Amino acid sequence: MRPAWRKSPEPAFKTSEANGQFGPGHNSFTTTPDGKTDVLVYHARNYREIKGDSLRDPNRHTRAQVIRWKADGTPEFGEPVAD
């Protein structure tokens, strides 16, 4: 059983300039079809600057990557992988 979640004072999954992924958000979890691998699904954009209201930027596209779990049962998000 995984522990109850609580809000972190810092983002758990954030921009990766090195990988060209900016503004990741709206995360959810699923598994591979065989149920053996956990997958993080999120959206991000591949550019830094936003013109206008960042909440109305339509260019964050869906991405997915494998997620690992720490010994205490919490997710090890790592950083968004490159396209």
PDB file of N, CA and C in Angstrom:
ATOM      1  N   MET A   1       0.842  -1.176   0.000  1.00  0.00           N
ATOM      2  CA  MET A   1       0.000   0.000   0.000  1.00  0.00           C
ATOM      3  C   MET A   1       0.891   1.243   0.000  1.00  0.00           C
ATOM      4  N   ARG A   2       0.598   2.163  -0.890  1.00  0.00           N
ATOM      5  CA  ARG A   2       1.367   3.407  -0.963  1.00  0.00           C
ATOM      6  C   ARG A   2       0.854   4.387   0.091  1.00  0.00           C
ATOM      7  N   PRO A   3       1.751   5.223   0.617  1.00  0.00           N
ATOM      8  CA  PRO A   3       1.327   6.189   1.638  1.00  0.00           C
ATOM      9  C   PRO A   3       0.399   7.247   1.051  1.00  0.00           C
ATOM     10  N   ALA A   4      -0.331   7.925   1.932  1.00  0.00           N
ATOM     11  CA  ALA A   4      -1.189   9.028   1.499  1.00  0.00           C
ATOM     12  C   ALA A   4      -0.311  10.135   0.927  1.00  0.00           C
ATOM     13  N   TRP A   5      -0.821  10.827  -0.066  1.00  0.00           N
ATOM     14  CA  TRP A   5      -0.066  11.896  -0.700  1.00  0.00           C
ATOM     15  C   TRP A   5      -0.284  13.192   0.050  1.00  0.00           C
ATOM     16  N   ARG A   6       0.728  14.040   0.000  1.00  0.00           N
ATOM     17  CA  ARG A   6       0.576  15.381   0.560  1.00  0.00           C
ATOM     18  C   ARG A   6       1.289  16.368  -0.347  1.00  0.00           C
ATOM     19  N   LYS A   7       0.843  17.591  -0.329  1.00  0.00           N
ATOM     20  CA  LYS A   7       1.388  18.624  -1.215  1.00  0.00           C
ATOM     21  C   LYS A   7       2.803  18.985  -0.796  1.00  0.00           C
ATOM     22  N   SER A   8       3.672  19.058  -1.789  1.00  0.00           N
ATOM     23  CA  SER A   8       5.058  19.453  -1.578  1.00  0.00           C
ATOM     24  C   SER A   8       5.173  20.970  -1.721  1.00  0.00           C
ATOM     25  N   PRO A   9       6.085  21.590  -0.989  1.00  0.00           N
ATOM     26  CA  PRO A   9       6.257  23.040  -1.147  1.00  0.00           C
ATOM     27  C   PRO A   9       6.888  23.412  -2.495  1.00  0.00           C
ATOM     28  N   GLU A  10       7.521  22.482  -3.149  1.00  0.00           N
ATOM     29  CA  GLU A  10       8.135  22.697  -4.455  1.00  0.00           C
ATOM     30  C   GLU A  10       7.483  21.764  -5.479  1.00  0.00           C
ATOM     31  N   PRO A  11       7.480  22.133  -6.752  1.00  0.00           N
ATOM     32  CA  PRO A  11       6.934  21.222  -7.766  1.00  0.00           C
ATOM     33  C   PRO A  11       7.686  19.884  -7.751  1.00  0.00           C
ATOM     34  N   ALA A  12       6.955  18.805  -7.867  1.00  0.00           N
ATOM     35  CA  ALA A  12       7.564  17.474  -7.892  1.00  0.00           C
ATOM     36  C   ALA A  12       8.057  17.124  -9.292  1.00  0.00           C
ATOM     37  N   PHE A  13       7.506  17.749 -10.295  1.00  0.00           N
ATOM     38  CA  PHE A  13       7.851  17.479 -11.690  1.00  0.00           C
ATOM     39  C   PHE A  13       7.896  18.827 -12.383  1.00  0.00           C
ATOM     40  N   LYS A  14       9.076  19.233 -12.834  1.00  0.00           N
ATOM     41  CA  LYS A  14       9.207  20.596 -13.330  1.00  0.00           C
ATOM     42  C   LYS A  14       9.994  20.665 -14.630  1.00  0.00           C
ATOM     43  N   THR A  15      10.050  21.862 -15.183  1.00  0.00           N
ATOM     44  CA  THR A  15      10.740  22.140 -16.439  1.00  0.00           C
ATOM     45  C   THR A  15      12.118  21.499 -16.482  1.00  0.00           C
ATOM     46  N   SER A  16      12.464  20.981 -17.656  1.00  0.00           N
ATOM     47  CA  SER A  16      13.814  20.493 -17.917  1.00  0.00           C
ATOM     48  C   SER A  16      14.371  21.259 -19.111  1.00  0.00           C
ATOM     49  N   GLU A  17      15.163  22.284 -18.814  1.00  0.00           N
ATOM     50  CA  GLU A  17      15.788  23.045 -19.901  1.00  0.00           C
ATOM     51  C   GLU A  17      16.684  22.143 -20.732  1.00  0.00           C
ATOM     52  N   ALA A  18      17.424  21.247 -20.082  1.00  0.00           N
ATOM     53  CA  ALA A  18      18.349  20.353 -20.785  1.00  0.00           C
ATOM     54  C   ALA A  18      17.631  19.485 -21.810  1.00  0.00           C
ATOM     55  N   ASN A  19      16.391  19.085 -21.492  1.00  0.00           N
ATOM     56  CA  ASN A  19      15.623  18.217 -22.390  1.00  0.00           C
ATOM     57  C   ASN A  19      14.611  18.977 -23.245  1.00  0.00           C
ATOM     58  N   GLY A  20      14.588  20.308 -23.101  1.00  0.00           N
ATOM     59  CA  GLY A  20      13.687  21.123 -23.916  1.00  0.00           C
ATOM     60  C   GLY A  20      12.220  20.919 -23.601  1.00  0.00           C
ATOM     61  N   GLN A  21      11.897  20.681 -22.325  1.00  0.00           N
ATOM     62  CA  GLN A  21      10.509  20.489 -21.907  1.00  0.00           C
ATOM     63  C   GLN A  21      10.154  21.545 -20.875  1.00  0.00           C
ATOM     64  N   PHE A  22       9.118  22.328 -21.165  1.00  0.00           N
ATOM     65  CA  PHE A  22       8.756  23.459 -20.323  1.00  0.00           C
ATOM     66  C   PHE A  22       7.302  23.359 -19.871  1.00  0.00           C
ATOM     67  N   GLY A  23       7.059  23.744 -18.612  1.00  0.00           N
ATOM     68  CA  GLY A  23       5.711  23.821 -18.078  1.00  0.00           C
ATOM     69  C   GLY A  23       4.958  22.506 -17.985  1.00  0.00           C
ATOM     70  N   PRO A  24       5.601  21.412 -17.544  1.00  0.00           N
ATOM     71  CA  PRO A  24       4.847  20.162 -17.454  1.00  0.00           C
ATOM     72  C   PRO A  24       3.743  20.261 -16.403  1.00  0.00           C
ATOM     73  N   GLY A  25       2.647  19.579 -16.662  1.00  0.00           N
ATOM     74  CA  GLY A  25       1.555  19.626 -15.703  1.00  0.00           C
ATOM     75  C   GLY A  25       0.450  18.649 -16.016  1.00  0.00           C
ATOM     76  N   HIS A  26      -0.579  18.681 -15.175  1.00  0.00           N
ATOM     77  CA  HIS A  26      -1.760  17.826 -15.287  1.00  0.00           C
ATOM     78  C   HIS A  26      -1.370  16.356 -15.423  1.00  0.00           C
ATOM     79  N   ASN A  27      -0.579  15.903 -14.479  1.00  0.00           N
ATOM     80  CA  ASN A  27      -0.076  14.537 -14.504  1.00  0.00           C
ATOM     81  C   ASN A  27      -1.164  13.528 -14.145  1.00  0.00           C
ATOM     82  N   SER A  28      -1.028  12.335 -14.701  1.00  0.00           N
ATOM     83  CA  SER A  28      -1.849  11.196 -14.301  1.00  0.00           C
ATOM     84  C   SER A  28      -1.002   9.946 -14.481  1.00  0.00           C
ATOM     85  N   PHE A  29      -1.478   8.842 -13.961  1.00  0.00           N
ATOM     86  CA  PHE A  29      -0.729   7.596 -14.000  1.00  0.00           C
ATOM     87  C   PHE A  29      -1.525   6.515 -14.712  1.00  0.00           C
ATOM     88  N   THR A  30      -0.819   5.640 -15.374  1.00  0.00           N
ATOM     89  CA  THR A  30      -1.416   4.459 -15.983  1.00  0.00           C
ATOM     90  C   THR A  30      -0.337   3.377 -15.984  1.00  0.00           C
ATOM     91  N   THR A  31      -0.607   2.267 -16.629  1.00  0.00           N
ATOM     92  CA  THR A  31       0.391   1.205 -16.752  1.00  0.00           C
ATOM     93  C   THR A  31       0.489   0.780 -18.207  1.00  0.00           C
ATOM     94  N   THR A  32       1.558   0.052 -18.508  1.00  0.00           N
ATOM     95  CA  THR A  32       1.663  -0.563 -19.828  1.00  0.00           C
ATOM     96  C   THR A  32       0.567  -1.626 -19.923  1.00  0.00           C
ATOM     97  N   PRO A  33       0.215  -2.066 -21.122  1.00  0.00           N
ATOM     98  CA  PRO A  33      -0.868  -3.050 -21.265  1.00  0.00           C
ATOM     99  C   PRO A  33      -0.690  -4.322 -20.433  1.00  0.00           C
ATOM    100  N   ASP A  34       0.553  -4.726 -20.192  1.00  0.00           N
ATOM    101  CA  ASP A  34       0.775  -5.932 -19.387  1.00  0.00           C
ATOM    102  C   ASP A  34       0.716  -5.663 -17.882  1.00  0.00           C
ATOM    103  N   GLY A  35       0.560  -4.384 -17.499  1.00  0.00           N
ATOM    104  CA  GLY A  35       0.430  -4.016 -16.093  1.00  0.00           C
ATOM    105  C   GLY A  35       1.725  -4.052 -15.302  1.00  0.00           C
ATOM    106  N   LYS A  36       2.845  -4.248 -15.959  1.00  0.00           N
ATOM    107  CA  LYS A  36       4.122  -4.415 -15.256  1.00  0.00           C
ATOM    108  C   LYS A  36       4.923  -3.125 -15.091  1.00  0.00           C
ATOM    109  N   THR A  37       4.586  -2.102 -15.851  1.00  0.00           N
ATOM    110  CA  THR A  37       5.359  -0.862 -15.812  1.00  0.00           C
ATOM    111  C   THR A  37       4.418   0.314 -15.613  1.00  0.00           C
ATOM    112  N   ASP A  38       4.730   1.159 -14.637  1.00  0.00           N
ATOM    113  CA  ASP A  38       3.936   2.362 -14.392  1.00  0.00           C
ATOM    114  C   ASP A  38       4.387   3.471 -15.330  1.00  0.00           C
ATOM    115  N   VAL A  39       3.417   4.246 -15.809  1.00  0.00           N
ATOM    116  CA  VAL A  39       3.683   5.306 -16.780  1.00  0.00           C
ATOM    117  C   VAL A  39       3.066   6.612 -16.280  1.00  0.00           C
ATOM    118  N   LEU A  40       3.843   7.677 -16.369  1.00  0.00           N
ATOM    119  CA  LEU A  40       3.385   9.018 -16.041  1.00  0.00           C
ATOM    120  C   LEU A  40       2.944   9.676 -17.349  1.00  0.00           C
ATOM    121  N   VAL A  41       1.726  10.193 -17.382  1.00  0.00           N
ATOM    122  CA  VAL A  41       1.204  10.904 -18.549  1.00  0.00           C
ATOM    123  C   VAL A  41       1.041  12.367 -18.134  1.00  0.00           C
ATOM    124  N   TYR A  42       1.518  13.278 -18.965  1.00  0.00           N
ATOM    125  CA  TYR A  42       1.483  14.699 -18.633  1.00  0.00           C
ATOM    126  C   TYR A  42       1.503  15.507 -19.927  1.00  0.00           C
ATOM    127  N   HIS A  43       1.406  16.807 -19.802  1.00  0.00           N
ATOM    128  CA  HIS A  43       1.607  17.642 -20.982  1.00  0.00           C
ATOM    129  C   HIS A  43       2.679  18.676 -20.680  1.00  0.00           C
ATOM    130  N   ALA A  44       3.368  19.107 -21.743  1.00  0.00           N
ATOM    131  CA  ALA A  44       4.417  20.115 -21.652  1.00  0.00           C
ATOM    132  C   ALA A  44       4.561  20.755 -23.030  1.00  0.00           C
ATOM    133  N   ARG A  45       5.333  21.807 -23.091  1.00  0.00           N
ATOM    134  CA  ARG A  45       5.607  22.443 -24.377  1.00  0.00           C
ATOM    135  C   ARG A  45       7.119  22.417 -24.605  1.00  0.00           C
ATOM    136  N   ASN A  46       7.537  22.611 -25.856  1.00  0.00           N
ATOM    137  CA  ASN A  46       8.968  22.520 -26.155  1.00  0.00           C
ATOM    138  C   ASN A  46       9.593  23.896 -26.402  1.00  0.00           C
ATOM    139  N   TYR A  47       9.031  24.935 -25.795  1.00  0.00           N
ATOM    140  CA  TYR A  47       9.608  26.273 -25.869  1.00  0.00           C
ATOM    141  C   TYR A  47       9.379  26.991 -24.548  1.00  0.00           C
ATOM    142  N   ARG A  48      10.261  27.926 -24.241  1.00  0.00           N
ATOM    143  CA  ARG A  48      10.229  28.608 -22.948  1.00  0.00           C
ATOM    144  C   ARG A  48       9.212  29.740 -22.893  1.00  0.00           C
ATOM    145  N   GLU A  49       9.321  30.683 -23.801  1.00  0.00           N
ATOM    146  CA  GLU A  49       8.535  31.917 -23.726  1.00  0.00           C
ATOM    147  C   GLU A  49       7.088  31.705 -24.163  1.00  0.00           C
ATOM    148  N   ILE A  50       6.176  32.310 -23.414  1.00  0.00           N
ATOM    149  CA  ILE A  50       4.747  32.242 -23.705  1.00  0.00           C
ATOM    150  C   ILE A  50       4.260  33.655 -23.984  1.00  0.00           C
ATOM    151  N   LYS A  51       3.546  33.821 -25.076  1.00  0.00           N
ATOM    152  CA  LYS A  51       2.929  35.112 -25.364  1.00  0.00           C
ATOM    153  C   LYS A  51       1.524  35.095 -24.792  1.00  0.00           C
ATOM    154  N   GLY A  52       1.210  36.085 -23.966  1.00  0.00           N
ATOM    155  CA  GLY A  52      -0.131  36.154 -23.385  1.00  0.00           C
ATOM    156  C   GLY A  52      -0.245  35.356 -22.103  1.00  0.00           C
ATOM    157  N   ASP A  53      -1.460  34.940 -21.801  1.00  0.00           N
ATOM    158  CA  ASP A  53      -1.796  34.234 -20.558  1.00  0.00           C
ATOM    159  C   ASP A  53      -1.300  32.792 -20.615  1.00  0.00           C
ATOM    160  N   SER A  54      -0.422  32.415 -19.698  1.00  0.00           N
ATOM    161  CA  SER A  54       0.145  31.060 -19.703  1.00  0.00           C
ATOM    162  C   SER A  54      -0.917  29.977 -19.518  1.00  0.00           C
ATOM    163  N   LEU A  55      -2.029  30.300 -18.873  1.00  0.00           N
ATOM    164  CA  LEU A  55      -3.094  29.308 -18.690  1.00  0.00           C
ATOM    165  C   LEU A  55      -3.914  29.103 -19.952  1.00  0.00           C
ATOM    166  N   ARG A  56      -3.725  29.966 -20.932  1.00  0.00           N
ATOM    167  CA  ARG A  56      -4.469  29.847 -22.184  1.00  0.00           C
ATOM    168  C   ARG A  56      -3.570  29.417 -23.350  1.00  0.00           C
ATOM    169  N   ASP A  57      -2.345  29.004 -23.035  1.00  0.00           N
ATOM    170  CA  ASP A  57      -1.422  28.539 -24.069  1.00  0.00           C
ATOM    171  C   ASP A  57      -1.855  27.144 -24.523  1.00  0.00           C
ATOM    172  N   PRO A  58      -2.265  26.993 -25.783  1.00  0.00           N
ATOM    173  CA  PRO A  58      -2.799  25.716 -26.265  1.00  0.00           C
ATOM    174  C   PRO A  58      -1.728  24.726 -26.725  1.00  0.00           C
ATOM    175  N   ASN A  59      -0.474  25.030 -26.509  1.00  0.00           N
ATOM    176  CA  ASN A  59       0.583  24.238 -27.123  1.00  0.00           C
ATOM    177  C   ASN A  59       1.284  23.236 -26.215  1.00  0.00           C
ATOM    178  N   ARG A  60       0.736  22.956 -25.047  1.00  0.00           N
ATOM    179  CA  ARG A  60       1.317  21.883 -24.244  1.00  0.00           C
ATOM    180  C   ARG A  60       0.705  20.582 -24.751  1.00  0.00           C
ATOM    181  N   HIS A  61       1.547  19.705 -25.251  1.00  0.00           N
ATOM    182  CA  HIS A  61       1.081  18.451 -25.838  1.00  0.00           C
ATOM    183  C   HIS A  61       1.349  17.277 -24.916  1.00  0.00           C
ATOM    184  N   THR A  62       0.572  16.219 -25.085  1.00  0.00           N
ATOM    185  CA  THR A  62       0.656  15.041 -24.230  1.00  0.00           C
ATOM    186  C   THR A  62       1.968  14.302 -24.436  1.00  0.00           C
ATOM    187  N   ARG A  63       2.530  13.865 -23.327  1.00  0.00           N
ATOM    188  CA  ARG A  63       3.754  13.075 -23.313  1.00  0.00           C
ATOM    189  C   ARG A  63       3.592  11.979 -22.267  1.00  0.00           C
ATOM    190  N   ALA A  64       4.408  10.958 -22.363  1.00  0.00           N
ATOM    191  CA  ALA A  64       4.359   9.863 -21.386  1.00  0.00           C
ATOM    192  C   ALA A  64       5.762   9.325 -21.179  1.00  0.00           C
ATOM    193  N   GLN A  65       6.029   8.892 -19.961  1.00  0.00           N
ATOM    194  CA  GLN A  65       7.317   8.272 -19.660  1.00  0.00           C
ATOM    195  C   GLN A  65       7.181   7.338 -18.468  1.00  0.00           C
ATOM    196  N   VAL A  66       8.083   6.385 -18.413  1.00  0.00           N
ATOM    197  CA  VAL A  66       8.098   5.408 -17.321  1.00  0.00           C
ATOM    198  C   VAL A  66       8.384   6.141 -16.014  1.00  0.00           C
ATOM    199  N   ILE A  67       7.721   5.719 -14.953  1.00  0.00           N
ATOM    200  CA  ILE A  67       7.950   6.291 -13.626  1.00  0.00           C
ATOM    201  C   ILE A  67       8.378   5.169 -12.682  1.00  0.00           C
ATOM    202  N   ARG A  68       9.308   5.487 -11.805  1.00  0.00           N
ATOM    203  CA  ARG A  68       9.808   4.545 -10.803  1.00  0.00           C
ATOM    204  C   ARG A  68       9.290   4.967  -9.434  1.00  0.00           C
ATOM    205  N   TRP A  69       9.407   4.080  -8.476  1.00  0.00           N
ATOM    206  CA  TRP A  69       8.919   4.345  -7.124  1.00  0.00           C
ATOM    207  C   TRP A  69      10.059   4.216  -6.126  1.00  0.00           C
ATOM    208  N   LYS A  70      10.090   5.120  -5.165  1.00  0.00           N
ATOM    209  CA  LYS A  70      11.091   5.082  -4.092  1.00  0.00           C
ATOM    210  C   LYS A  70      10.717   3.976  -3.109  1.00  0.00           C
ATOM    211  N   ALA A  71      11.654   3.615  -2.253  1.00  0.00           N
ATOM    212  CA  ALA A  71      11.429   2.561  -1.263  1.00  0.00           C
ATOM    213  C   ALA A  71      10.261   2.887  -0.328  1.00  0.00           C
ATOM    214  N   ASP A  72      10.022   4.184  -0.088  1.00  0.00           N
ATOM    215  CA  ASP A  72       8.923   4.574   0.810  1.00  0.00           C
ATOM    216  C   ASP A  72       7.567   4.618   0.106  1.00  0.00           C
ATOM    217  N   GLY A  73       7.536   4.248  -1.194  1.00  0.00           N
ATOM    218  CA  GLY A  73       6.278   4.191  -1.923  1.00  0.00           C
ATOM    219  C   GLY A  73       5.896   5.468  -2.641  1.00  0.00           C
ATOM    220  N   THR A  74       6.728   6.503  -2.555  1.00  0.00           N
ATOM    221  CA  THR A  74       6.436   7.746  -3.255  1.00  0.00           C
ATOM    222  C   THR A  74       7.064   7.719  -4.654  1.00  0.00           C
ATOM    223  N   PRO A  75       6.498   8.467  -5.593  1.00  0.00           N
ATOM    224  CA  PRO A  75       7.019   8.433  -6.965  1.00  0.00           C
ATOM    225  C   PRO A  75       8.351   9.156  -7.100  1.00  0.00           C
ATOM    226  N   GLU A  76       9.192   8.619  -7.951  1.00  0.00           N
ATOM    227  CA  GLU A  76      10.444   9.282  -8.344  1.00  0.00           C
ATOM    228  C   GLU A  76      10.197   9.835  -9.735  1.00  0.00           C
ATOM    229  N   PHE A  77       9.767  11.080  -9.814  1.00  0.00           N
ATOM    230  CA  PHE A  77       9.369  11.667 -11.086  1.00  0.00           C
ATOM    231  C   PHE A  77      10.533  11.856 -12.053  1.00  0.00           C
ATOM    232  N   GLY A  78      11.711  12.171 -11.538  1.00  0.00           N
ATOM    233  CA  GLY A  78      12.808  12.491 -12.424  1.00  0.00           C
ATOM    234  C   GLY A  78      12.508  13.794 -13.134  1.00  0.00           C
ATOM    235  N   GLU A  79      12.863  13.902 -14.396  1.00  0.00           N
ATOM    236  CA  GLU A  79      12.566  15.097 -15.165  1.00  0.00           C
ATOM    237  C   GLU A  79      11.936  14.715 -16.495  1.00  0.00           C
ATOM    238  N   PRO A  80      11.195  15.633 -17.099  1.00  0.00           N
ATOM    239  CA  PRO A  80      10.587  15.313 -18.390  1.00  0.00           C
ATOM    240  C   PRO A  80      11.660  14.924 -19.415  1.00  0.00           C
ATOM    241  N   VAL A  81      11.429  13.855 -20.129  1.00  0.00           N
ATOM    242  CA  VAL A  81      12.385  13.400 -21.136  1.00  0.00           C
ATOM    243  C   VAL A  81      12.218  14.217 -22.412  1.00  0.00           C
ATOM    244  N   ALA A  82      13.274  14.248 -23.218  1.00  0.00           N
ATOM    245  CA  ALA A  82      13.233  14.986 -24.476  1.00  0.00           C
ATOM    246  C   ALA A  82      12.272  14.328 -25.452  1.00  0.00           C
ATOM    247  N   ASP A  83      11.732  15.131 -26.381  1.00  0.00           N
ATOM    248  CA  ASP A  83      10.856  14.600 -27.423  1.00  0.00           C
ATOM    249  C   ASP A  83      11.597  13.576 -28.265  1.00  0.00           C
TER     250      ASP A  83
END
